Amino acid sequence: MVRGLPAVEYQYRGKADDHDWSGKLVVVARGKDMFTVLAMTYADSDLIQIQENVIARPLRALYFSVP
């Protein structure tokens, strides 16, 4: 759930362009609309835990207003 709306979250790690990557993909359903949020960062750093926490922060702050 994201802000009370149904959501699916995928956390992943992978390798591309000679870098390790860490990311999060969130799909949120709001009525007939689907929203996708993608965030990723290099995972080949000693700061990966901090970077993953920074990625998670905007996901907790999502806000949907009624037009």
Protein backbone atom coordinates (compact mmCIF):
# COMPACT_ATOMS: atom_id res chain seq x y z
CA MET A 1 0.00 0.00 0.00
CA VAL A 2 1.16 3.53 -0.83
CA ARG A 3 -0.90 6.25 0.83
CA GLY A 4 -3.74 3.76 1.18
CA LEU A 5 -3.67 2.76 -2.49
CA PRO A 6 -2.85 -0.77 -3.70
CA ALA A 7 0.77 -1.08 -4.77
CA VAL A 8 3.39 -3.63 -5.76
CA GLU A 9 7.05 -3.07 -4.89
CA TYR A 10 10.04 -4.76 -6.47
CA GLN A 11 13.54 -4.34 -5.10
CA TYR A 12 16.34 -5.51 -7.35
CA ARG A 13 20.09 -5.64 -7.85
CA GLY A 14 21.87 -6.27 -11.10
CA LYS A 15 24.91 -5.57 -13.21
CA ALA A 16 25.03 -3.38 -16.33
CA ASP A 17 27.74 -1.27 -17.96
CA ASP A 18 30.33 -2.73 -15.57
CA HIS A 19 28.48 -1.38 -12.50
CA ASP A 20 26.43 -3.07 -9.83
CA TRP A 21 23.00 -1.43 -9.54
CA SER A 22 20.37 -1.36 -6.82
CA GLY A 23 16.86 -0.18 -7.50
CA LYS A 24 13.25 -0.12 -6.54
CA LEU A 25 10.21 -0.24 -8.81
CA VAL A 26 6.79 0.60 -7.38
CA VAL A 27 3.52 0.28 -9.29
CA VAL A 28 0.56 2.07 -7.69
CA ALA A 29 -3.08 1.69 -8.76
CA ARG A 30 -5.43 4.66 -8.40
CA GLY A 31 -8.82 3.94 -9.86
CA LYS A 32 -8.30 3.08 -13.52
CA ASP A 33 -4.81 4.65 -13.54
CA MET A 34 -1.50 2.90 -12.88
CA PHE A 35 1.56 4.85 -11.79
CA THR A 36 5.13 3.56 -11.97
CA VAL A 37 7.97 4.93 -9.87
CA LEU A 38 11.49 3.75 -10.72
CA ALA A 39 14.57 4.65 -8.69
CA MET A 40 18.07 3.23 -8.99
CA THR A 41 21.64 3.90 -7.89
CA TYR A 42 25.09 2.39 -8.14
CA ALA A 43 25.44 -0.53 -5.71
CA ASP A 44 29.21 -0.78 -6.03
CA SER A 45 29.79 1.84 -3.35
CA ASP A 46 30.34 1.62 0.40
CA LEU A 47 27.42 4.07 0.73
CA ILE A 48 24.82 1.72 -0.76
CA GLN A 49 22.70 1.52 2.42
CA ILE A 50 22.48 5.31 2.61
CA GLN A 51 21.63 5.52 -1.09
CA GLU A 52 18.87 2.90 -0.74
CA ASN A 53 17.41 4.85 2.19
CA VAL A 54 17.43 8.02 0.07
CA ILE A 55 15.57 6.13 -2.69
CA ALA A 56 12.92 4.97 -0.20
CA ARG A 57 12.22 8.47 1.15
CA PRO A 58 10.33 9.91 -1.89
CA LEU A 59 8.24 6.73 -2.10
CA ARG A 60 7.00 7.34 1.45
CA ALA A 61 6.22 10.95 0.52
CA LEU A 62 4.01 10.26 -2.52
CA TYR A 63 0.79 12.24 -2.48
CA PHE A 64 -2.18 11.90 -4.82
CA SER A 65 -4.68 14.76 -5.06
CA VAL A 66 -8.08 14.64 -6.66
CA PRO A 67 -8.23 16.85 -9.80
